[in-house]
Protein backbone atom coordinates (compact mmCIF):
# COMPACT_ATOMS: atom_id res chain seq x y z
CA UNK A 1 -3.51 -5.46 -10.17
CA UNK A 2 -1.89 -6.96 -7.10
CA UNK A 3 -2.83 -10.83 -7.35
CA UNK A 4 -1.65 -11.92 -4.17
CA UNK A 5 -5.08 -12.95 -3.43
CA UNK A 6 -4.79 -15.89 -5.66
CA UNK A 7 -2.30 -17.58 -3.53
CA UNK A 8 -4.81 -19.83 -1.73
CA UNK A 9 -5.93 -21.01 -5.22
CA UNK A 10 -2.57 -22.09 -6.31
CA UNK A 11 -1.79 -23.67 -2.91
CA UNK A 12 -4.98 -25.75 -3.02
CA UNK A 13 -5.01 -29.22 -4.53
CA UNK A 14 -6.93 -29.70 -7.90
CA UNK A 15 -9.09 -30.30 -9.70
CA UNK A 16 -11.04 -27.08 -9.42
CA UNK A 17 -14.52 -25.80 -10.20
CA UNK A 18 -14.27 -22.39 -11.69
CA UNK A 19 -17.59 -20.59 -11.86
CA UNK A 20 -18.65 -17.18 -13.00
CA UNK A 21 -22.29 -16.65 -12.09
CA UNK A 22 -25.05 -14.10 -12.43
CA UNK A 23 -26.28 -13.26 -8.73
CA UNK A 24 -28.49 -10.24 -9.52
CA UNK A 25 -31.37 -10.13 -6.77
CA UNK A 26 -33.54 -7.07 -7.98
CA UNK A 27 -36.97 -8.62 -8.63
CA UNK A 28 -39.82 -10.12 -6.51
CA UNK A 29 -38.95 -13.67 -7.95
CA UNK A 30 -35.20 -13.29 -7.59
CA UNK A 31 -34.82 -15.99 -5.02
CA UNK A 32 -36.42 -18.59 -7.58
CA UNK A 33 -34.57 -17.22 -10.34
CA UNK A 34 -31.30 -17.39 -8.58
CA UNK A 35 -31.96 -21.03 -7.31
CA UNK A 36 -32.40 -22.10 -11.03
CA UNK A 37 -29.24 -20.30 -12.27
CA UNK A 38 -27.27 -22.07 -9.48
CA UNK A 39 -29.07 -25.25 -10.17
CA UNK A 40 -28.02 -24.98 -13.83
CA UNK A 41 -24.37 -24.35 -12.99
CA UNK A 42 -24.03 -27.02 -10.43
CA UNK A 43 -25.61 -29.31 -12.95
CA UNK A 44 -22.74 -28.55 -15.55
CA UNK A 45 -20.27 -29.47 -12.83
CA UNK A 46 -21.74 -32.52 -12.22
CA UNK A 47 -21.87 -33.42 -15.86
CA UNK A 48 -17.96 -32.67 -16.18
CA UNK A 49 -17.50 -35.10 -13.16
CA UNK A 50 -17.28 -32.62 -10.12
CA UNK A 51 -17.86 -34.51 -6.81
CA UNK A 52 -20.83 -33.83 -4.54
CA UNK A 53 -18.87 -31.92 -2.14
CA UNK A 54 -17.66 -29.64 -4.69
CA UNK A 55 -21.21 -28.84 -6.19
CA UNK A 56 -22.64 -28.38 -2.72
CA UNK A 57 -20.02 -26.01 -1.73
CA UNK A 58 -20.70 -24.02 -4.89
CA UNK A 59 -24.46 -23.92 -4.42
CA UNK A 60 -24.15 -23.06 -0.75
CA UNK A 61 -21.85 -20.23 -1.30
CA UNK A 62 -23.85 -18.69 -4.51
CA UNK A 63 -27.10 -18.54 -2.61
CA UNK A 64 -25.61 -17.42 0.71
CA UNK A 65 -26.73 -13.91 1.66
CA UNK A 66 -28.55 -13.20 -1.59
CA UNK A 67 -31.97 -12.33 0.25
CA UNK A 68 -32.11 -8.84 -0.84
CA UNK A 69 -30.64 -5.99 1.15
CA UNK A 70 -26.97 -4.92 0.87
CA UNK A 71 -25.77 -8.41 -0.38
CA UNK A 72 -28.52 -8.19 -2.98
CA UNK A 73 -26.52 -5.44 -4.59
CA UNK A 74 -24.11 -7.96 -6.06
CA UNK A 75 -24.44 -8.52 -9.91
CA UNK A 76 -21.88 -11.32 -10.46
CA UNK A 77 -19.79 -13.56 -8.45
CA UNK A 78 -16.69 -15.57 -9.31
CA UNK A 79 -15.85 -18.81 -7.23
CA UNK A 80 -13.13 -21.30 -7.32
CA UNK A 81 -13.63 -24.54 -5.25
CA UNK A 82 -10.93 -26.92 -4.75
CA UNK A 83 -11.66 -30.76 -4.73
CA UNK A 84 -12.07 -31.11 -1.11
CA UNK A 85 -14.97 -28.56 -1.18
CA UNK A 86 -12.83 -25.62 0.06
CA UNK A 87 -13.63 -22.33 -1.43
CA UNK A 88 -10.54 -20.76 -2.36
CA UNK A 89 -11.54 -17.73 -4.25
CA UNK A 90 -15.00 -15.92 -3.75
CA UNK A 91 -14.84 -12.62 -5.47
CA UNK A 92 -17.53 -9.99 -6.78
CA UNK A 93 -17.65 -9.39 -10.62
CA UNK A 94 -17.92 -5.87 -11.81
CA UNK A 95 -21.40 -6.71 -13.42
CA UNK A 96 -23.29 -9.68 -14.63
CA UNK A 97 -21.15 -12.14 -16.35
CA UNK A 98 -21.36 -11.72 -20.11
CA UNK A 99 -21.88 -15.57 -20.08
CA UNK A 100 -22.30 -17.57 -16.99
CA UNK A 101 -19.68 -20.69 -16.83
CA UNK A 102 -18.95 -23.49 -14.71
CA UNK A 103 -15.78 -25.70 -15.40
CA UNK A 104 -14.57 -28.58 -13.53
CA UNK A 105 -10.72 -29.01 -14.35
CA UNK A 106 -7.15 -30.08 -13.29
CA UNK A 107 -6.40 -26.12 -13.19
CA UNK A 108 -8.29 -23.07 -12.65
CA UNK A 109 -9.25 -20.83 -15.58
CA UNK A 110 -8.47 -17.18 -14.06
CA UNK A 111 -7.84 -15.14 -16.80
CA UNK A 112 -11.55 -14.61 -17.71
CA UNK A 113 -12.21 -14.11 -14.04
CA UNK A 114 -9.61 -11.34 -13.67
CA UNK A 115 -11.11 -9.74 -16.86
CA UNK A 116 -14.40 -9.46 -14.83
CA UNK A 117 -13.66 -8.81 -11.28
CA UNK A 118 -14.85 -5.58 -9.63
CA UNK A 119 -12.24 -2.97 -9.55
CA UNK A 120 -9.33 -3.77 -7.21
CA UNK A 121 -8.23 -0.05 -6.83
CA UNK A 122 -7.80 0.70 -2.97
CA UNK A 123 -9.54 3.58 -1.91
CA UNK A 124 -11.69 5.04 0.82
CA UNK A 125 -15.01 6.37 1.11
CA UNK A 126 -15.99 9.02 3.59
CA UNK A 127 -19.64 9.93 4.16
CA UNK A 128 -19.37 12.75 6.80
CA UNK A 129 -21.74 14.92 8.64
CA UNK A 130 -20.85 17.50 11.42
CA UNK A 131 -20.71 14.88 14.22
CA UNK A 132 -18.46 12.43 12.42
CA UNK A 133 -18.21 10.22 9.48
CA UNK A 134 -18.68 6.41 8.11
CA UNK A 135 -15.42 5.30 6.53
CA UNK A 136 -15.22 2.54 4.18
CA UNK A 137 -11.91 0.96 3.13
CA UNK A 138 -12.02 -1.07 0.00
CA UNK A 139 -10.42 -2.71 -3.07
CA UNK A 140 -7.38 -3.93 -1.20
CA UNK A 141 -6.09 -7.52 -2.11
CA UNK A 142 -6.46 -10.14 0.32
CA UNK A 143 -8.63 -7.94 2.57
CA UNK A 144 -12.34 -7.58 2.79
CA UNK A 145 -14.09 -4.32 2.51
CA UNK A 146 -14.07 -2.50 6.21
CA UNK A 147 -16.58 -0.09 7.30
CA UNK A 148 -15.99 2.29 10.47
CA UNK A 149 -17.62 5.21 12.42
CA UNK A 150 -15.77 7.92 13.72
CA UNK A 151 -18.06 9.84 16.26
CA UNK A 152 -17.24 13.26 17.46
CA UNK A 153 -18.94 15.57 20.10
CA UNK A 154 -22.52 16.93 19.37
CA UNK A 155 -22.57 19.33 22.10
CA UNK A 156 -23.42 22.91 20.49
CA UNK A 157 -23.48 21.61 17.25
CA UNK A 158 -26.08 23.69 15.92
CA UNK A 159 -25.45 27.53 15.28
CA UNK A 160 -28.33 29.24 16.60
CA UNK A 161 -29.56 32.92 17.14
CA UNK A 162 -29.42 33.06 21.03
CA UNK A 163 -28.89 37.05 20.99
CA UNK A 164 -27.14 39.06 23.48
CA UNK A 165 -23.64 38.56 24.69
CA UNK A 166 -23.79 34.83 24.34
CA UNK A 167 -24.33 34.78 20.50
CA UNK A 168 -20.71 35.03 19.13
CA UNK A 169 -19.60 32.42 22.04
CA UNK A 170 -22.37 30.19 20.84
CA UNK A 171 -21.40 30.52 17.02
CA UNK A 172 -17.66 29.88 17.61
CA UNK A 173 -18.47 27.08 19.86
CA UNK A 174 -20.44 25.30 17.13
CA UNK A 175 -17.73 26.04 14.30
CA UNK A 176 -14.98 24.72 16.67
CA UNK A 177 -16.97 21.66 17.32
CA UNK A 178 -17.28 21.11 13.60
CA UNK A 179 -13.59 21.51 12.99
CA UNK A 180 -12.46 19.28 15.81
CA UNK A 181 -14.87 16.59 14.77
CA UNK A 182 -13.74 16.75 11.12
CA UNK A 183 -10.12 16.69 12.42
CA UNK A 184 -10.96 13.05 14.02
CA UNK A 185 -12.32 12.07 10.60
CA UNK A 186 -9.22 13.37 8.92
CA UNK A 187 -6.92 11.88 11.60
CA UNK A 188 -8.38 8.22 10.84
CA UNK A 189 -8.00 8.85 7.00
CA UNK A 190 -4.48 9.97 7.52
CA UNK A 191 -3.91 6.60 9.29
CA UNK A 192 -5.31 4.63 6.72
CA UNK A 193 -3.28 6.35 3.82
CA UNK A 194 -0.01 6.03 5.79
CA UNK A 195 -0.51 2.24 6.14
CA UNK A 196 -2.35 1.24 2.92
CA UNK A 197 -1.81 2.16 -0.82
CA UNK A 198 -5.08 4.35 -1.26
CA UNK A 199 -5.48 5.71 -4.67
CA UNK A 200 -8.41 7.97 -3.98
CA UNK A 201 -10.73 9.36 -0.88
CA UNK A 202 -14.29 10.03 -1.92
CA UNK A 203 -15.86 12.36 0.47
CA UNK A 204 -19.79 12.96 0.32
CA UNK A 205 -22.17 14.12 2.82
CA UNK A 206 -22.83 17.47 4.63
CA UNK A 207 -21.48 20.40 2.61
CA UNK A 208 -19.71 22.26 5.65
CA UNK A 209 -18.31 18.96 7.01
CA UNK A 210 -16.87 18.27 3.43
CA UNK A 211 -15.31 21.87 3.23
CA UNK A 212 -13.85 21.47 6.85
CA UNK A 213 -12.42 17.80 5.94
CA UNK A 214 -10.95 19.34 2.82
CA UNK A 215 -9.12 22.03 4.74
CA UNK A 216 -7.93 19.83 7.28
CA UNK A 217 -6.53 17.11 4.99
CA UNK A 218 -2.73 16.70 5.23
CA UNK A 219 -0.82 17.70 2.01
CA UNK A 220 0.39 14.17 1.80
CA UNK A 221 -2.94 13.02 0.64
CA UNK A 222 -4.82 16.11 0.07
CA UNK A 223 -4.51 15.53 -3.69
CA UNK A 224 -6.40 12.16 -3.29
CA UNK A 225 -9.62 13.67 -2.07
CA UNK A 226 -12.58 13.62 -4.45
CA UNK A 227 -15.71 15.59 -3.04
CA UNK A 228 -19.32 15.04 -4.40
CA UNK A 229 -22.37 16.87 -3.45
CA UNK A 230 -25.00 13.92 -3.61
CA UNK A 231 -25.49 11.37 -0.69
CA UNK A 232 -25.78 11.75 3.01
CA UNK A 233 -25.06 10.01 6.34
CA UNK A 234 -28.52 10.22 7.80
CA UNK A 235 -30.68 7.17 8.32
CA UNK A 236 -32.44 6.01 5.16
CA UNK A 237 -30.24 8.69 3.01
CA UNK A 238 -29.72 7.04 -0.57
CA UNK A 239 -26.10 5.70 -0.88
CA UNK A 240 -26.69 4.55 -4.52
CA UNK A 241 -25.26 8.08 -6.02
CA UNK A 242 -21.97 7.49 -3.84
CA UNK A 243 -21.95 3.73 -5.11
CA UNK A 244 -22.05 5.05 -8.52
CA UNK A 245 -19.34 7.61 -8.53
CA UNK A 246 -17.08 5.13 -6.55
CA UNK A 247 -17.44 2.94 -9.58
CA UNK A 248 -16.67 5.88 -11.91
CA UNK A 249 -13.40 6.53 -10.03
CA UNK A 250 -12.30 3.09 -9.90
CA UNK A 251 -12.94 2.64 -13.83
CA UNK A 252 -10.78 5.85 -14.41
CA UNK A 253 -8.00 4.53 -12.21
CA UNK A 254 -8.20 1.13 -13.92
CA UNK A 255 -8.07 2.56 -17.43
CA UNK A 256 -5.36 4.77 -16.53
CA UNK A 257 -3.29 1.81 -15.11
CA UNK A 258 -3.82 -0.24 -18.39
CA UNK A 259 -2.53 2.90 -20.37
CA UNK A 260 0.32 3.47 -18.19
CA UNK A 261 1.60 -0.27 -18.28
CA UNK A 262 1.21 -0.39 -22.18
CA UNK A 263 3.11 2.81 -22.36
CA UNK A 264 5.77 1.26 -20.23
CA UNK A 265 5.78 -1.67 -22.30
CA UNK A 266 6.47 0.35 -25.37
CA UNK A 267 8.74 2.85 -23.80
CA UNK A 268 10.89 0.59 -21.73
CA UNK A 269 11.59 -1.75 -24.72
CA UNK A 270 14.33 0.62 -25.95
CA UNK A 271 16.13 0.27 -22.54
CA UNK A 272 15.42 -3.55 -22.35
CA UNK A 273 13.16 -3.09 -19.41
CA UNK A 274 9.88 -4.87 -21.05
CA UNK A 275 9.56 -7.81 -23.19
CA UNK A 276 6.87 -9.16 -25.57
CA UNK A 277 5.90 -12.51 -26.56
CA UNK A 278 5.27 -15.65 -24.79
CA UNK A 279 8.81 -17.07 -25.00
CA UNK A 280 10.56 -13.89 -23.72
CA UNK A 281 7.93 -13.60 -20.79
CA UNK A 282 8.38 -17.03 -19.88
CA UNK A 283 12.07 -16.65 -19.54
CA UNK A 284 11.72 -13.35 -17.51
CA UNK A 285 9.33 -15.01 -15.16
CA UNK A 286 11.92 -18.03 -14.72
CA UNK A 287 14.55 -15.28 -13.72
CA UNK A 288 12.31 -13.33 -11.44
CA UNK A 289 12.53 -10.22 -13.49
CA UNK A 290 8.82 -9.37 -13.96
CA UNK A 291 7.15 -6.61 -12.26
CA UNK A 292 3.91 -6.41 -14.02
CA UNK A 293 2.64 -9.48 -16.33
CA UNK A 294 0.50 -8.09 -19.13
CA UNK A 295 -1.97 -10.78 -20.43
CA UNK A 296 -4.40 -10.06 -23.38
CA UNK A 297 -7.73 -11.59 -23.97
CA UNK A 298 -6.36 -12.99 -26.97
CA UNK A 299 -4.58 -15.71 -24.89
CA UNK A 300 -6.53 -18.73 -26.22
CA UNK A 301 -7.90 -21.60 -24.19
CA UNK A 302 -5.70 -24.00 -26.37
CA UNK A 303 -2.23 -22.32 -25.29
CA UNK A 304 0.00 -24.39 -23.13
CA UNK A 305 3.17 -24.24 -21.09
CA UNK A 306 5.22 -26.83 -19.45
CA UNK A 307 5.65 -26.37 -15.76
CA UNK A 308 8.00 -28.27 -13.57
CA UNK A 309 8.11 -29.01 -9.86
CA UNK A 310 7.53 -25.04 -8.78
CA UNK A 311 5.66 -22.25 -10.63
CA UNK A 312 8.62 -20.77 -11.89
CA UNK A 313 10.01 -23.83 -13.36
CA UNK A 314 8.14 -23.17 -16.87
CA UNK A 315 9.07 -23.39 -20.41
CA UNK A 316 7.77 -23.11 -23.93
CA UNK A 317 9.19 -26.41 -25.27
CA UNK A 318 10.82 -29.54 -23.60
CA UNK A 319 14.18 -28.09 -24.48
CA UNK A 320 13.39 -25.36 -21.98
CA UNK A 321 12.70 -27.96 -19.15
CA UNK A 322 15.65 -30.12 -20.13
CA UNK A 323 17.76 -27.11 -19.18
CA UNK A 324 16.19 -26.73 -15.80
CA UNK A 325 16.62 -30.66 -15.32
CA UNK A 326 12.94 -31.42 -15.13
CA UNK A 327 10.44 -33.01 -17.45
CA UNK A 328 7.49 -30.71 -17.18
CA UNK A 329 3.62 -31.08 -17.18
CA UNK A 330 1.63 -29.45 -19.82
CA UNK A 331 -0.75 -26.85 -18.22
CA UNK A 332 -2.93 -24.16 -19.89
CA UNK A 333 -1.07 -21.04 -20.43
CA UNK A 334 -3.11 -18.58 -18.45
CA UNK A 335 -3.12 -20.73 -15.26
CA UNK A 336 0.75 -21.30 -15.45
CA UNK A 337 1.48 -17.77 -16.19
CA UNK A 338 -0.72 -16.52 -13.27
CA UNK A 339 0.79 -18.99 -10.87
CA UNK A 340 4.28 -17.79 -11.87
CA UNK A 341 3.27 -14.31 -11.23
CA UNK A 342 1.70 -15.15 -7.83
CA UNK A 343 5.10 -16.93 -6.84
CA UNK A 344 7.25 -13.92 -8.01
CA UNK A 345 5.13 -11.24 -6.41
CA UNK A 346 4.36 -9.70 -9.84
CA UNK A 347 1.47 -7.52 -10.69
CA UNK A 348 -1.01 -8.58 -13.32
CA UNK A 349 -3.14 -6.70 -15.84
CA UNK A 350 -5.55 -8.23 -18.52
CA UNK A 351 -5.82 -5.91 -21.49
CA UNK A 352 -7.57 -5.97 -24.95
CA UNK A 353 -5.64 -7.84 -27.61
CA UNK A 354 -5.43 -4.58 -29.55
CA UNK A 355 -3.36 -2.81 -26.57
CA UNK A 356 -0.12 -4.77 -27.31
CA UNK A 357 2.06 -4.25 -30.43
CA UNK A 358 2.45 -7.25 -32.90
CA UNK A 359 -0.65 -9.08 -31.92
CA UNK A 360 1.60 -10.77 -29.21
CA UNK A 361 -0.78 -12.36 -26.43
CA UNK A 362 1.62 -11.47 -23.54
CA UNK A 363 4.23 -8.94 -22.43
CA UNK A 364 5.80 -7.75 -19.26
CA UNK A 365 7.40 -4.76 -17.79
CA UNK A 366 10.59 -5.90 -15.91
CA UNK A 367 12.07 -5.05 -12.61
CA UNK A 368 15.68 -5.19 -14.03
CA UNK A 369 17.53 -6.40 -17.34
CA UNK A 370 20.72 -8.42 -17.80
CA UNK A 371 22.72 -9.74 -20.54
CA UNK A 372 20.42 -12.32 -21.53
CA UNK A 373 17.19 -10.08 -21.71
CA UNK A 374 15.86 -9.87 -25.30
CA UNK A 375 16.43 -6.29 -26.88
């Protein structure tokens, strides 16, 4: 997972309010229920010493846009609010949080948030008809979901039995127009796949439009295309099957990513291109070696590291900091590791504890190895 979207969190001045909230809005009494949940969460922050500017920012953001409709499809939401009341993280969760939480602390508690985030797999969803398509680009770090419409020409869009000498002309005109419109849609998707790290392109809608789009897709990304029969572009068409299939594809890609990284950790160890254990990972982060940081859900709340004047000045013990010529402040290990990953442009994956060998809480796949890298 690209965690560059966490940069504003670590750039802000603490303390921080870290909130995981249930914001489902599916019943007639949802407004009142959400108000009560938000009141309980902000009450917890107040009890922990959070100032009013912070609790009010949390309250306003969680209640914002939850009056049903599209916003009401959210199930869970994660917020991090800095001491000045600025919202430095606002992300949708994949589902209702297993346990709602609200913590006011010197450092944000982000590992549980990353575990519950909605899938951050860059993808495109195309809902097509014979005139054009609605194209949604989603799952990109530091970029909100974007929807656009591509509209073609609807002249002679229907094949009709006109009879006589004009029959074939009308038939070919309609087919050509469908192909031209599908080509415009494919051109737009082609532009997106060239500029962005798209992992899949889900295509729904009119069956003939899907067929033409698939035939038009360039070889460079045609293997990314997944077609589905349900869902349409017409006004009032049910988009829920498309949302469900999108979620399934995201989950498949996330599971594949975790399996690939765990395999890399195990396979690359023989060549010195992966390390396991907190001390080895900390050393690799200090040297900017880490390509992907792997954190397990076994990394306890009581685990700590020492951090100096920058995120990459970190150590397991004071001797590490002495070698760096700095004293070091005790910080939660999860926050310190994530800050170092963001500072060094490393990716991050949160995996189950059983996924890593030896019951180690952290591991890393490395960009390079050197003489001091543990083997």
